[in-house]
C-alpha atoms as a PDB file:
ATOM      1  CA  MET A   1     -64.348  14.822  52.895  1.00  0.00           C
ATOM      2  CA  PHE A   2     -61.599  14.290  55.471  1.00  0.00           C
ATOM      3  CA  ASP A   3     -58.915  14.104  52.732  1.00  0.00           C
ATOM      4  CA  LYS A   4     -60.076  17.446  51.293  1.00  0.00           C
ATOM      5  CA  LEU A   5     -60.025  19.018  54.750  1.00  0.00           C
ATOM      6  CA  LYS A   6     -56.614  17.563  55.426  1.00  0.00           C
ATOM      7  CA  SER A   7     -55.177  19.029  52.219  1.00  0.00           C
ATOM      8  CA  LEU A   8     -56.059  22.508  53.483  1.00  0.00           C
ATOM      9  CA  PHE A   9     -53.912  22.162  56.603  1.00  0.00           C
ATOM     10  CA  THR A  10     -50.875  20.199  55.465  1.00  0.00           C
ATOM     11  CA  ALA A  11     -48.664  19.880  52.395  1.00  0.00           C
ATOM     12  CA  ASP A  12     -47.241  16.637  51.038  1.00  0.00           C
ATOM     13  CA  ILE A  13     -43.460  16.380  51.031  1.00  0.00           C
ATOM     14  CA  GLY A  14     -40.875  14.876  48.681  1.00  0.00           C
ATOM     15  CA  ILE A  15     -37.456  13.993  50.109  1.00  0.00           C
ATOM     16  CA  ASP A  16     -34.165  13.226  48.414  1.00  0.00           C
ATOM     17  CA  LEU A  17     -32.543  11.521  51.399  1.00  0.00           C
ATOM     18  CA  GLY A  18     -28.985  11.490  50.129  1.00  0.00           C
ATOM     19  CA  THR A  19     -25.782  10.163  51.631  1.00  0.00           C
ATOM     20  CA  ALA A  20     -24.105  13.569  51.383  1.00  0.00           C
ATOM     21  CA  ASN A  21     -27.010  16.022  51.133  1.00  0.00           C
ATOM     22  CA  SER A  22     -30.766  15.979  51.678  1.00  0.00           C
ATOM     23  CA  LEU A  23     -33.261  18.070  49.737  1.00  0.00           C
ATOM     24  CA  VAL A  24     -36.915  18.582  50.643  1.00  0.00           C
ATOM     25  CA  TYR A  25     -39.676  19.484  48.166  1.00  0.00           C
ATOM     26  CA  LEU A  26     -42.867  20.981  49.581  1.00  0.00           C
ATOM     27  CA  LYS A  27     -45.932  20.601  47.383  1.00  0.00           C
ATOM     28  CA  GLY A  28     -46.945  23.960  46.002  1.00  0.00           C
ATOM     29  CA  ARG A  29     -43.647  25.641  46.913  1.00  0.00           C
ATOM     30  CA  GLY A  30     -40.889  23.595  45.294  1.00  0.00           C
ATOM     31  CA  ILE A  31     -37.528  22.771  46.889  1.00  0.00           C
ATOM     32  CA  VAL A  32     -37.477  24.528  50.243  1.00  0.00           C
ATOM     33  CA  LEU A  33     -34.532  22.877  52.004  1.00  0.00           C
ATOM     34  CA  ARG A  34     -31.015  21.813  50.995  1.00  0.00           C
ATOM     35  CA  GLU A  35     -28.794  20.668  53.832  1.00  0.00           C
ATOM     36  CA  PRO A  36     -25.960  18.178  54.396  1.00  0.00           C
ATOM     37  CA  SER A  37     -27.011  14.764  55.746  1.00  0.00           C
ATOM     38  CA  VAL A  38     -24.945  15.261  58.891  1.00  0.00           C
ATOM     39  CA  VAL A  39     -25.925  15.100  62.566  1.00  0.00           C
ATOM     40  CA  ALA A  40     -23.827  16.184  65.551  1.00  0.00           C
ATOM     41  CA  ILE A  41     -24.442  14.248  68.752  1.00  0.00           C
ATOM     42  CA  LYS A  42     -23.092  14.158  72.285  1.00  0.00           C
ATOM     43  CA  SER A  43     -20.429  11.465  72.495  1.00  0.00           C
ATOM     44  CA  GLY A  44     -21.673   8.262  74.100  1.00  0.00           C
ATOM     45  CA  SER A  45     -25.320   9.237  73.724  1.00  0.00           C
ATOM     46  CA  LYS A  46     -27.993   9.925  71.099  1.00  0.00           C
ATOM     47  CA  ARG A  47     -28.538  13.536  72.171  1.00  0.00           C
ATOM     48  CA  ILE A  48     -28.777  15.704  69.047  1.00  0.00           C
ATOM     49  CA  LEU A  49     -26.749  18.917  69.138  1.00  0.00           C
ATOM     50  CA  ALA A  50     -27.002  20.061  65.517  1.00  0.00           C
ATOM     51  CA  VAL A  51     -28.360  18.872  62.165  1.00  0.00           C
ATOM     52  CA  GLY A  52     -27.512  19.720  58.571  1.00  0.00           C
ATOM     53  CA  LEU A  53     -25.261  22.658  57.736  1.00  0.00           C
ATOM     54  CA  GLU A  54     -24.423  23.475  61.355  1.00  0.00           C
ATOM     55  CA  ALA A  55     -23.448  19.846  61.969  1.00  0.00           C
ATOM     56  CA  LYS A  56     -21.302  19.644  58.806  1.00  0.00           C
ATOM     57  CA  LYS A  57     -19.221  22.562  60.023  1.00  0.00           C
ATOM     58  CA  MET A  58     -18.258  20.325  62.958  1.00  0.00           C
ATOM     59  CA  LEU A  59     -16.899  17.454  60.818  1.00  0.00           C
ATOM     60  CA  GLY A  60     -13.277  16.831  61.777  1.00  0.00           C
ATOM     61  CA  VAL A  61     -13.083  19.812  64.156  1.00  0.00           C
ATOM     62  CA  THR A  62     -15.246  18.782  67.106  1.00  0.00           C
ATOM     63  CA  PRO A  63     -14.013  18.405  70.695  1.00  0.00           C
ATOM     64  CA  ALA A  64     -13.881  14.917  72.176  1.00  0.00           C
ATOM     65  CA  ASP A  65     -17.380  15.091  73.659  1.00  0.00           C
ATOM     66  CA  ILE A  66     -19.078  15.919  70.314  1.00  0.00           C
ATOM     67  CA  VAL A  67     -19.315  13.564  67.333  1.00  0.00           C
ATOM     68  CA  ALA A  68     -20.433  14.675  63.867  1.00  0.00           C
ATOM     69  CA  ILE A  69     -21.724  11.688  61.905  1.00  0.00           C
ATOM     70  CA  ARG A  70     -23.453  10.925  58.618  1.00  0.00           C
ATOM     71  CA  PRO A  71     -26.267   8.445  59.367  1.00  0.00           C
ATOM     72  CA  MET A  72     -26.723   7.498  55.692  1.00  0.00           C
ATOM     73  CA  LYS A  73     -24.143   5.196  54.117  1.00  0.00           C
ATOM     74  CA  SER A  74     -24.219   4.286  50.410  1.00  0.00           C
ATOM     75  CA  GLY A  75     -27.727   5.667  50.107  1.00  0.00           C
ATOM     76  CA  VAL A  76     -29.273   3.607  52.919  1.00  0.00           C
ATOM     77  CA  ILE A  77     -29.779   3.994  56.658  1.00  0.00           C
ATOM     78  CA  ALA A  78     -26.733   3.110  58.747  1.00  0.00           C
ATOM     79  CA  ASP A  79     -28.042   4.502  62.049  1.00  0.00           C
ATOM     80  CA  PHE A  80     -31.833   4.307  62.400  1.00  0.00           C
ATOM     81  CA  ASP A  81     -32.269   6.560  65.445  1.00  0.00           C
ATOM     82  CA  ILE A  82     -30.055   9.336  64.097  1.00  0.00           C
ATOM     83  CA  THR A  83     -31.653   9.152  60.644  1.00  0.00           C
ATOM     84  CA  GLN A  84     -35.108   9.405  62.220  1.00  0.00           C
ATOM     85  CA  ALA A  85     -33.997  12.452  64.192  1.00  0.00           C
ATOM     86  CA  MET A  86     -32.562  14.027  61.043  1.00  0.00           C
ATOM     87  CA  LEU A  87     -35.777  13.374  59.106  1.00  0.00           C
ATOM     88  CA  SER A  88     -37.839  14.854  61.942  1.00  0.00           C
ATOM     89  CA  TYR A  89     -35.707  17.980  61.815  1.00  0.00           C
ATOM     90  CA  PHE A  90     -36.125  18.342  58.031  1.00  0.00           C
ATOM     91  CA  ILE A  91     -39.880  17.605  58.015  1.00  0.00           C
ATOM     92  CA  ASN A  92     -40.686  19.878  60.949  1.00  0.00           C
ATOM     93  CA  LYS A  93     -38.550  22.661  59.503  1.00  0.00           C
ATOM     94  CA  VAL A  94     -40.622  22.831  56.298  1.00  0.00           C
ATOM     95  CA  ARG A  95     -44.113  21.926  57.591  1.00  0.00           C
ATOM     96  CA  PRO A  96     -46.636  24.736  58.054  1.00  0.00           C
ATOM     97  CA  ARG A  97     -46.704  25.726  61.712  1.00  0.00           C
ATOM     98  CA  HIS A  98     -50.312  25.726  62.923  1.00  0.00           C
ATOM     99  CA  PHE A  99     -51.839  24.581  66.185  1.00  0.00           C
ATOM    100  CA  TYR A 100     -53.616  21.827  64.228  1.00  0.00           C
ATOM    101  CA  SER A 101     -50.432  20.572  62.472  1.00  0.00           C
ATOM    102  CA  LYS A 102     -50.106  17.676  64.890  1.00  0.00           C
ATOM    103  CA  TYR A 103     -53.491  16.367  63.728  1.00  0.00           C
ATOM    104  CA  PHE A 104     -52.678  16.535  60.002  1.00  0.00           C
ATOM    105  CA  LYS A 105     -49.455  14.726  59.192  1.00  0.00           C
ATOM    106  CA  PRO A 106     -48.016  14.998  55.651  1.00  0.00           C
ATOM    107  CA  ARG A 107     -47.711  12.197  53.134  1.00  0.00           C
ATOM    108  CA  VAL A 108     -44.084  11.771  52.102  1.00  0.00           C
ATOM    109  CA  VAL A 109     -42.362  10.506  48.944  1.00  0.00           C
ATOM    110  CA  VAL A 110     -38.772   9.395  49.599  1.00  0.00           C
ATOM    111  CA  ALA A 111     -36.245   8.608  46.867  1.00  0.00           C
ATOM    112  CA  VAL A 112     -34.253   5.411  47.504  1.00  0.00           C
ATOM    113  CA  PRO A 113     -31.459   3.546  45.635  1.00  0.00           C
ATOM    114  CA  GLY A 114     -32.544   1.187  42.885  1.00  0.00           C
ATOM    115  CA  ASP A 115     -30.980  -1.869  44.544  1.00  0.00           C
ATOM    116  CA  ILE A 116     -32.378  -1.250  48.031  1.00  0.00           C
ATOM    117  CA  THR A 117     -33.381  -4.412  49.905  1.00  0.00           C
ATOM    118  CA  GLU A 118     -36.772  -5.052  51.531  1.00  0.00           C
ATOM    119  CA  VAL A 119     -35.207  -4.656  54.967  1.00  0.00           C
ATOM    120  CA  GLU A 120     -33.720  -1.301  53.950  1.00  0.00           C
ATOM    121  CA  LYS A 121     -37.072  -0.214  52.475  1.00  0.00           C
ATOM    122  CA  ARG A 122     -38.835  -0.942  55.759  1.00  0.00           C
ATOM    123  CA  ALA A 123     -36.159   0.993  57.639  1.00  0.00           C
ATOM    124  CA  VAL A 124     -36.728   4.084  55.459  1.00  0.00           C
ATOM    125  CA  GLU A 125     -40.521   3.811  55.778  1.00  0.00           C
ATOM    126  CA  GLU A 126     -40.386   3.370  59.558  1.00  0.00           C
ATOM    127  CA  ALA A 127     -37.916   6.247  59.983  1.00  0.00           C
ATOM    128  CA  ALA A 128     -40.136   8.587  57.941  1.00  0.00           C
ATOM    129  CA  LYS A 129     -43.263   7.576  59.890  1.00  0.00           C
ATOM    130  CA  GLU A 130     -41.474   8.034  63.206  1.00  0.00           C
ATOM    131  CA  ALA A 131     -40.384  11.448  61.929  1.00  0.00           C
ATOM    132  CA  GLY A 132     -43.997  12.526  61.395  1.00  0.00           C
ATOM    133  CA  ALA A 133     -45.196  11.181  58.031  1.00  0.00           C
ATOM    134  CA  SER A 134     -48.740   9.800  57.822  1.00  0.00           C
ATOM    135  CA  LYS A 135     -47.936   7.655  54.785  1.00  0.00           C
ATOM    136  CA  VAL A 136     -44.645   6.932  53.031  1.00  0.00           C
ATOM    137  CA  PHE A 137     -44.124   6.174  49.345  1.00  0.00           C
ATOM    138  CA  LEU A 138     -40.754   5.074  47.982  1.00  0.00           C
ATOM    139  CA  LEU A 139     -39.556   6.147  44.531  1.00  0.00           C
ATOM    140  CA  GLU A 140     -36.443   4.702  42.920  1.00  0.00           C
ATOM    141  CA  GLU A 141     -33.743   7.339  42.559  1.00  0.00           C
ATOM    142  CA  PRO A 142     -33.018   6.804  38.844  1.00  0.00           C
ATOM    143  CA  MET A 143     -36.717   7.210  38.016  1.00  0.00           C
ATOM    144  CA  ALA A 144     -36.944  10.288  40.234  1.00  0.00           C
ATOM    145  CA  ALA A 145     -33.842  11.766  38.582  1.00  0.00           C
ATOM    146  CA  ALA A 146     -35.152  11.040  35.079  1.00  0.00           C
ATOM    147  CA  ILE A 147     -38.449  12.753  35.885  1.00  0.00           C
ATOM    148  CA  GLY A 148     -36.637  15.623  37.554  1.00  0.00           C
ATOM    149  CA  VAL A 149     -34.434  16.387  34.525  1.00  0.00           C
ATOM    150  CA  GLY A 150     -37.432  16.230  32.192  1.00  0.00           C
ATOM    151  CA  LEU A 151     -36.771  13.010  30.309  1.00  0.00           C
ATOM    152  CA  PRO A 152     -39.843  11.655  28.440  1.00  0.00           C
ATOM    153  CA  VAL A 153     -40.104   8.596  30.684  1.00  0.00           C
ATOM    154  CA  THR A 154     -43.681   7.701  29.621  1.00  0.00           C
ATOM    155  CA  GLU A 155     -42.876   7.437  25.918  1.00  0.00           C
ATOM    156  CA  PRO A 156     -42.344   4.026  24.204  1.00  0.00           C
ATOM    157  CA  ALA A 157     -38.685   4.856  23.614  1.00  0.00           C
ATOM    158  CA  GLY A 158     -35.475   4.535  25.580  1.00  0.00           C
ATOM    159  CA  SER A 159     -34.064   7.246  27.820  1.00  0.00           C
ATOM    160  CA  MET A 160     -30.917   6.808  29.905  1.00  0.00           C
ATOM    161  CA  ILE A 161     -30.090   8.495  33.190  1.00  0.00           C
ATOM    162  CA  VAL A 162     -26.901   8.255  35.268  1.00  0.00           C
ATOM    163  CA  ASP A 163     -27.435   9.710  38.746  1.00  0.00           C
ATOM    164  CA  ILE A 164     -24.229  10.012  40.781  1.00  0.00           C
ATOM    165  CA  GLY A 165     -24.626  11.150  44.363  1.00  0.00           C
ATOM    166  CA  GLY A 166     -22.494  10.834  47.463  1.00  0.00           C
ATOM    167  CA  GLY A 167     -22.998   7.127  48.169  1.00  0.00           C
ATOM    168  CA  THR A 168     -24.374   5.513  45.007  1.00  0.00           C
ATOM    169  CA  CYS A 169     -24.245   5.697  41.235  1.00  0.00           C
ATOM    170  CA  GLU A 170     -27.604   4.794  39.689  1.00  0.00           C
ATOM    171  CA  VAL A 171     -27.671   3.865  36.005  1.00  0.00           C
ATOM    172  CA  ALA A 172     -31.021   3.184  34.332  1.00  0.00           C
ATOM    173  CA  ILE A 173     -32.631   2.853  30.919  1.00  0.00           C
ATOM    174  CA  ILE A 174     -36.282   3.875  31.112  1.00  0.00           C
ATOM    175  CA  SER A 175     -39.215   3.352  28.762  1.00  0.00           C
ATOM    176  CA  LEU A 176     -43.007   3.473  29.176  1.00  0.00           C
ATOM    177  CA  ALA A 177     -42.710   4.784  32.759  1.00  0.00           C
ATOM    178  CA  GLY A 178     -40.696   1.752  33.850  1.00  0.00           C
ATOM    179  CA  ILE A 179     -37.043   0.900  34.416  1.00  0.00           C
ATOM    180  CA  VAL A 180     -36.063  -1.590  31.694  1.00  0.00           C
ATOM    181  CA  HIS A 181     -32.427  -2.064  32.700  1.00  0.00           C
ATOM    182  CA  SER A 182     -30.579  -0.666  35.693  1.00  0.00           C
ATOM    183  CA  ARG A 183     -27.419  -1.000  37.690  1.00  0.00           C
ATOM    184  CA  SER A 184     -26.604   0.465  41.076  1.00  0.00           C
ATOM    185  CA  VAL A 185     -23.027   0.648  42.338  1.00  0.00           C
ATOM    186  CA  ARG A 186     -22.134   1.970  45.750  1.00  0.00           C
ATOM    187  CA  THR A 187     -19.213   3.920  44.376  1.00  0.00           C
ATOM    188  CA  ALA A 188     -19.735   7.657  43.981  1.00  0.00           C
ATOM    189  CA  GLY A 189     -18.703  10.975  45.523  1.00  0.00           C
ATOM    190  CA  ASP A 190     -17.711   9.573  48.928  1.00  0.00           C
ATOM    191  CA  ALA A 191     -15.467   6.976  47.260  1.00  0.00           C
ATOM    192  CA  MET A 192     -13.818   9.775  45.265  1.00  0.00           C
ATOM    193  CA  ASP A 193     -13.124  11.723  48.477  1.00  0.00           C
ATOM    194  CA  GLU A 194     -11.673   8.628  50.145  1.00  0.00           C
ATOM    195  CA  CYS A 195      -9.366   7.992  47.164  1.00  0.00           C
ATOM    196  CA  ILE A 196      -8.041  11.550  47.477  1.00  0.00           C
ATOM    197  CA  VAL A 197      -7.454  11.061  51.220  1.00  0.00           C
ATOM    198  CA  GLN A 198      -5.547   7.820  50.578  1.00  0.00           C
ATOM    199  CA  TYR A 199      -3.527   9.354  47.740  1.00  0.00           C
ATOM    200  CA  MET A 200      -2.379  12.279  49.882  1.00  0.00           C
ATOM    201  CA  ARG A 201      -1.340   9.920  52.654  1.00  0.00           C
ATOM    202  CA  ARG A 202       0.398   7.433  50.342  1.00  0.00           C
ATOM    203  CA  VAL A 203       2.295   9.925  48.181  1.00  0.00           C
ATOM    204  CA  TYR A 204       2.901  12.862  50.523  1.00  0.00           C
ATOM    205  CA  ASN A 205       2.482  11.389  54.036  1.00  0.00           C
ATOM    206  CA  LEU A 206      -0.160  14.075  54.518  1.00  0.00           C
ATOM    207  CA  LEU A 207      -3.318  13.481  56.557  1.00  0.00           C
ATOM    208  CA  ILE A 208      -6.372  15.406  55.388  1.00  0.00           C
ATOM    209  CA  GLY A 209     -10.041  15.210  56.369  1.00  0.00           C
ATOM    210  CA  GLU A 210     -13.071  14.524  54.196  1.00  0.00           C
ATOM    211  CA  ARG A 211     -13.977  18.212  53.985  1.00  0.00           C
ATOM    212  CA  THR A 212     -10.544  19.001  52.533  1.00  0.00           C
ATOM    213  CA  ALA A 213     -10.760  16.032  50.154  1.00  0.00           C
ATOM    214  CA  GLU A 214     -14.147  17.231  48.909  1.00  0.00           C
ATOM    215  CA  GLU A 215     -12.746  20.731  48.391  1.00  0.00           C
ATOM    216  CA  ILE A 216      -9.858  19.314  46.344  1.00  0.00           C
ATOM    217  CA  LYS A 217     -12.289  17.277  44.219  1.00  0.00           C
ATOM    218  CA  ILE A 218     -14.509  20.276  43.537  1.00  0.00           C
ATOM    219  CA  LYS A 219     -11.711  22.731  42.768  1.00  0.00           C
ATOM    220  CA  ILE A 220      -9.266  20.690  40.674  1.00  0.00           C
ATOM    221  CA  GLY A 221     -10.728  17.174  40.333  1.00  0.00           C
ATOM    222  CA  SER A 222     -11.409  15.783  36.854  1.00  0.00           C
ATOM    223  CA  ALA A 223     -12.161  12.511  35.089  1.00  0.00           C
ATOM    224  CA  TYR A 224     -10.746  13.439  31.683  1.00  0.00           C
ATOM    225  CA  PRO A 225      -8.002  15.823  30.533  1.00  0.00           C
ATOM    226  CA  THR A 226      -9.484  19.303  30.345  1.00  0.00           C
ATOM    227  CA  GLY A 227      -6.669  20.910  28.394  1.00  0.00           C
ATOM    228  CA  GLU A 228      -5.710  23.212  31.245  1.00  0.00           C
ATOM    229  CA  GLU A 229      -3.974  21.739  34.283  1.00  0.00           C
ATOM    230  CA  THR A 230      -4.316  23.667  37.547  1.00  0.00           C
ATOM    231  CA  THR A 231      -2.763  23.536  41.020  1.00  0.00           C
ATOM    232  CA  LEU A 232      -4.076  23.880  44.555  1.00  0.00           C
ATOM    233  CA  GLU A 233      -2.436  24.533  47.915  1.00  0.00           C
ATOM    234  CA  VAL A 234      -3.424  21.882  50.464  1.00  0.00           C
ATOM    235  CA  ARG A 235      -2.995  21.958  54.237  1.00  0.00           C
ATOM    236  CA  GLY A 236      -2.960  18.942  56.526  1.00  0.00           C
ATOM    237  CA  ARG A 237      -0.893  17.099  59.113  1.00  0.00           C
ATOM    238  CA  ASP A 238       2.395  15.402  58.336  1.00  0.00           C
ATOM    239  CA  VAL A 239       2.196  11.703  59.271  1.00  0.00           C
ATOM    240  CA  VAL A 240       5.897  11.458  60.183  1.00  0.00           C
ATOM    241  CA  ALA A 241       6.521  14.761  61.986  1.00  0.00           C
ATOM    242  CA  GLY A 242       2.994  15.117  63.349  1.00  0.00           C
ATOM    243  CA  LEU A 243       3.026  18.824  62.509  1.00  0.00           C
ATOM    244  CA  PRO A 244       0.895  20.993  60.200  1.00  0.00           C
ATOM    245  CA  LYS A 245       2.115  20.935  56.608  1.00  0.00           C
ATOM    246  CA  THR A 246       1.284  22.800  53.393  1.00  0.00           C
ATOM    247  CA  LEU A 247       1.996  21.600  49.857  1.00  0.00           C
ATOM    248  CA  THR A 248       0.856  22.165  46.281  1.00  0.00           C
ATOM    249  CA  ILE A 249      -0.796  19.456  44.157  1.00  0.00           C
ATOM    250  CA  THR A 250      -1.827  19.352  40.499  1.00  0.00           C
ATOM    251  CA  SER A 251      -5.124  18.485  38.830  1.00  0.00           C
ATOM    252  CA  GLU A 252      -3.328  15.719  36.905  1.00  0.00           C
ATOM    253  CA  GLU A 253      -2.418  14.019  40.181  1.00  0.00           C
ATOM    254  CA  ILE A 254      -6.010  14.147  41.414  1.00  0.00           C
ATOM    255  CA  ARG A 255      -7.272  12.756  38.104  1.00  0.00           C
ATOM    256  CA  ASP A 256      -4.967   9.761  38.639  1.00  0.00           C
ATOM    257  CA  ALA A 257      -6.172   9.432  42.245  1.00  0.00           C
ATOM    258  CA  LEU A 258      -9.807   9.309  41.059  1.00  0.00           C
ATOM    259  CA  GLN A 259      -9.200   6.665  38.410  1.00  0.00           C
ATOM    260  CA  GLU A 260     -10.640   3.741  40.407  1.00  0.00           C
ATOM    261  CA  PRO A 261     -14.087   5.181  41.288  1.00  0.00           C
ATOM    262  CA  VAL A 262     -14.427   6.848  37.880  1.00  0.00           C
ATOM    263  CA  SER A 263     -13.638   3.527  36.164  1.00  0.00           C
ATOM    264  CA  ALA A 264     -16.278   1.776  38.301  1.00  0.00           C
ATOM    265  CA  ILE A 265     -18.903   4.328  37.216  1.00  0.00           C
ATOM    266  CA  ALA A 266     -17.934   3.991  33.543  1.00  0.00           C
ATOM    267  CA  SER A 267     -18.068   0.191  33.856  1.00  0.00           C
ATOM    268  CA  ALA A 268     -21.604   0.358  35.302  1.00  0.00           C
ATOM    269  CA  VAL A 269     -22.717   2.485  32.342  1.00  0.00           C
ATOM    270  CA  ARG A 270     -21.152   0.119  29.789  1.00  0.00           C
ATOM    271  CA  THR A 271     -22.652  -2.943  31.503  1.00  0.00           C
ATOM    272  CA  THR A 272     -26.138  -1.432  31.462  1.00  0.00           C
ATOM    273  CA  LEU A 273     -25.786  -0.563  27.782  1.00  0.00           C
ATOM    274  CA  GLY A 274     -24.570  -4.093  27.086  1.00  0.00           C
ATOM    275  CA  ASN A 275     -27.873  -5.505  28.416  1.00  0.00           C
ATOM    276  CA  CYS A 276     -29.981  -3.118  26.347  1.00  0.00           C
ATOM    277  CA  GLN A 277     -32.293  -4.356  23.557  1.00  0.00           C
ATOM    278  CA  PRO A 278     -31.332  -3.217  20.036  1.00  0.00           C
ATOM    279  CA  GLU A 279     -34.452  -1.046  19.690  1.00  0.00           C
ATOM    280  CA  LEU A 280     -33.704   0.858  22.884  1.00  0.00           C
ATOM    281  CA  ALA A 281     -30.028   1.139  21.968  1.00  0.00           C
ATOM    282  CA  ALA A 282     -31.075   2.770  18.689  1.00  0.00           C
ATOM    283  CA  ASP A 283     -33.084   5.370  20.645  1.00  0.00           C
ATOM    284  CA  LEU A 284     -30.057   6.184  22.780  1.00  0.00           C
ATOM    285  CA  VAL A 285     -27.933   6.961  19.715  1.00  0.00           C
ATOM    286  CA  ASP A 286     -30.089  10.062  19.248  1.00  0.00           C
ATOM    287  CA  ARG A 287     -31.118  10.802  22.838  1.00  0.00           C
ATOM    288  CA  GLY A 288     -27.815   9.980  24.484  1.00  0.00           C
ATOM    289  CA  ILE A 289     -27.164   9.843  28.232  1.00  0.00           C
ATOM    290  CA  VAL A 290     -28.122  12.466  30.827  1.00  0.00           C
ATOM    291  CA  LEU A 291     -26.044  12.914  33.994  1.00  0.00           C
ATOM    292  CA  SER A 292     -27.498  14.100  37.302  1.00  0.00           C
ATOM    293  CA  GLY A 293     -26.455  14.185  40.949  1.00  0.00           C
ATOM    294  CA  GLY A 294     -23.783  16.276  42.624  1.00  0.00           C
ATOM    295  CA  SER A 295     -20.866  14.001  41.734  1.00  0.00           C
ATOM    296  CA  SER A 296     -21.809  14.045  38.035  1.00  0.00           C
ATOM    297  CA  MET A 297     -20.415  17.596  38.050  1.00  0.00           C
ATOM    298  CA  LEU A 298     -16.845  16.214  38.178  1.00  0.00           C
ATOM    299  CA  ARG A 299     -15.016  17.938  35.329  1.00  0.00           C
ATOM    300  CA  GLY A 300     -14.673  15.891  32.169  1.00  0.00           C
ATOM    301  CA  LEU A 301     -16.901  13.018  33.324  1.00  0.00           C
ATOM    302  CA  ASP A 302     -19.311  13.643  30.463  1.00  0.00           C
ATOM    303  CA  LYS A 303     -16.441  13.581  27.957  1.00  0.00           C
ATOM    304  CA  LEU A 304     -15.039  10.367  29.444  1.00  0.00           C
ATOM    305  CA  LEU A 305     -18.384   8.549  29.266  1.00  0.00           C
ATOM    306  CA  SER A 306     -18.989   9.809  25.736  1.00  0.00           C
ATOM    307  CA  ALA A 307     -15.574   8.559  24.651  1.00  0.00           C
ATOM    308  CA  GLN A 308     -16.163   5.129  26.204  1.00  0.00           C
ATOM    309  CA  THR A 309     -19.736   4.635  24.962  1.00  0.00           C
ATOM    310  CA  GLY A 310     -19.792   6.520  21.668  1.00  0.00           C
ATOM    311  CA  LEU A 311     -23.023   8.251  22.776  1.00  0.00           C
ATOM    312  CA  PRO A 312     -23.702  11.933  23.382  1.00  0.00           C
ATOM    313  CA  VAL A 313     -23.570  12.699  27.116  1.00  0.00           C
ATOM    314  CA  THR A 314     -25.044  15.833  28.657  1.00  0.00           C
ATOM    315  CA  LEU A 315     -25.095  17.201  32.193  1.00  0.00           C
ATOM    316  CA  ALA A 316     -28.535  18.154  33.555  1.00  0.00           C
ATOM    317  CA  ASP A 317     -29.212  21.883  33.930  1.00  0.00           C
ATOM    318  CA  ASP A 318     -29.545  21.497  37.714  1.00  0.00           C
ATOM    319  CA  PRO A 319     -27.987  18.120  38.575  1.00  0.00           C
ATOM    320  CA  LEU A 320     -28.125  18.685  42.343  1.00  0.00           C
ATOM    321  CA  SER A 321     -31.900  19.123  42.334  1.00  0.00           C
ATOM    322  CA  ALA A 322     -32.897  16.378  39.887  1.00  0.00           C
ATOM    323  CA  VAL A 323     -33.978  13.686  42.361  1.00  0.00           C
ATOM    324  CA  ALA A 324     -35.788  16.143  44.644  1.00  0.00           C
ATOM    325  CA  ALA A 325     -37.588  17.644  41.647  1.00  0.00           C
ATOM    326  CA  GLY A 326     -38.613  14.119  40.643  1.00  0.00           C
ATOM    327  CA  THR A 327     -40.122  13.431  44.063  1.00  0.00           C
ATOM    328  CA  GLY A 328     -41.936  16.745  43.747  1.00  0.00           C
ATOM    329  CA  ALA A 329     -43.417  15.678  40.404  1.00  0.00           C
ATOM    330  CA  ALA A 330     -44.499  12.398  42.029  1.00  0.00           C
ATOM    331  CA  LEU A 331     -46.429  14.388  44.634  1.00  0.00           C
ATOM    332  CA  GLY A 332     -48.763  15.429  41.815  1.00  0.00           C
ATOM    333  CA  SER A 333     -49.783  11.770  41.465  1.00  0.00           C
ATOM    334  CA  ILE A 334     -49.684  10.885  45.152  1.00  0.00           C
ATOM    335  CA  ASP A 335     -53.434  10.186  45.283  1.00  0.00           C
ATOM    336  CA  VAL A 336     -52.974   7.628  42.481  1.00  0.00           C
ATOM    337  CA  LEU A 337     -50.035   6.087  44.347  1.00  0.00           C
ATOM    338  CA  ASP A 338     -52.174   5.882  47.484  1.00  0.00           C
ATOM    339  CA  ARG A 339     -55.082   4.187  45.677  1.00  0.00           C
ATOM    340  CA  ASN A 340     -52.726   1.718  43.963  1.00  0.00           C
ATOM    341  CA  ARG A 341     -51.153   0.787  47.291  1.00  0.00           C
ATOM    342  CA  ARG A 342     -54.555   0.140  48.882  1.00  0.00           C
ATOM    343  CA  SER A 343     -55.934  -1.830  45.925  1.00  0.00           C
END
């Protein structure tokens, strides 16, 4: 009786707590929040000044007394207190606002990396509970992504998902609602940005920030020759002169700069396929590989992986929302998850 009453006053929540961006799915409404996983705090304290989009605008441009940080590193919590504050902000922003809300806390499904440790799991669970969740359920990101893109994960046949976010690349072969083979590498979008930063410094003596590096990656970055090379004007600070400097770079240069992280992702895919049983491998010849996650949108990545694996590779229709949509689908079975946990 209490559970039925509770369902009238609160809505369960699914969270894709990403290294770069966080998405929140509210049961009955879909994805209601998409914001960067960034928090701005007062220097030398834990006082929160801004969260999400407003905080991201401060990255690299804040005065000395304000620090804009990303509390998630490689898909896991790097700063517990700041992550808890960020989660509180996201949960409270989407929860129904009623005078009785404080008495009816939502159940929350959080997507986590496939290789997360028990200590890291407890940190996520505790942070979500401190942020206002009544119960917390963890769902592996590759499974969430596979569900979110609509793969037939419950069938007795192999499906393969490659979810590439900001901090991690999750590769998994799924059959009968379980992960048969998986590999998680903490090389993804952030590593790509860092490679661009290092390349600009090494080749041009130009210092750029992570926001500029991300812009370069999005506008002219690629993993495979696209047939049309483009250029981009980049502004930064000259290392030698210490003055502002503007120069033009090519997409071919950035493709070379991204070679290391892209090769690591391709290696993870090949390794996972190498551990696959012949029957599942046969399924993948027809079904191929599906890419999801923001960093999977790197131009030519699908063509590169197809060339290296010999399998058809497709990009999900909405790669940015895949994991959040998967947590939302899990909310439909949250009562089953709750009973299984208590049994």
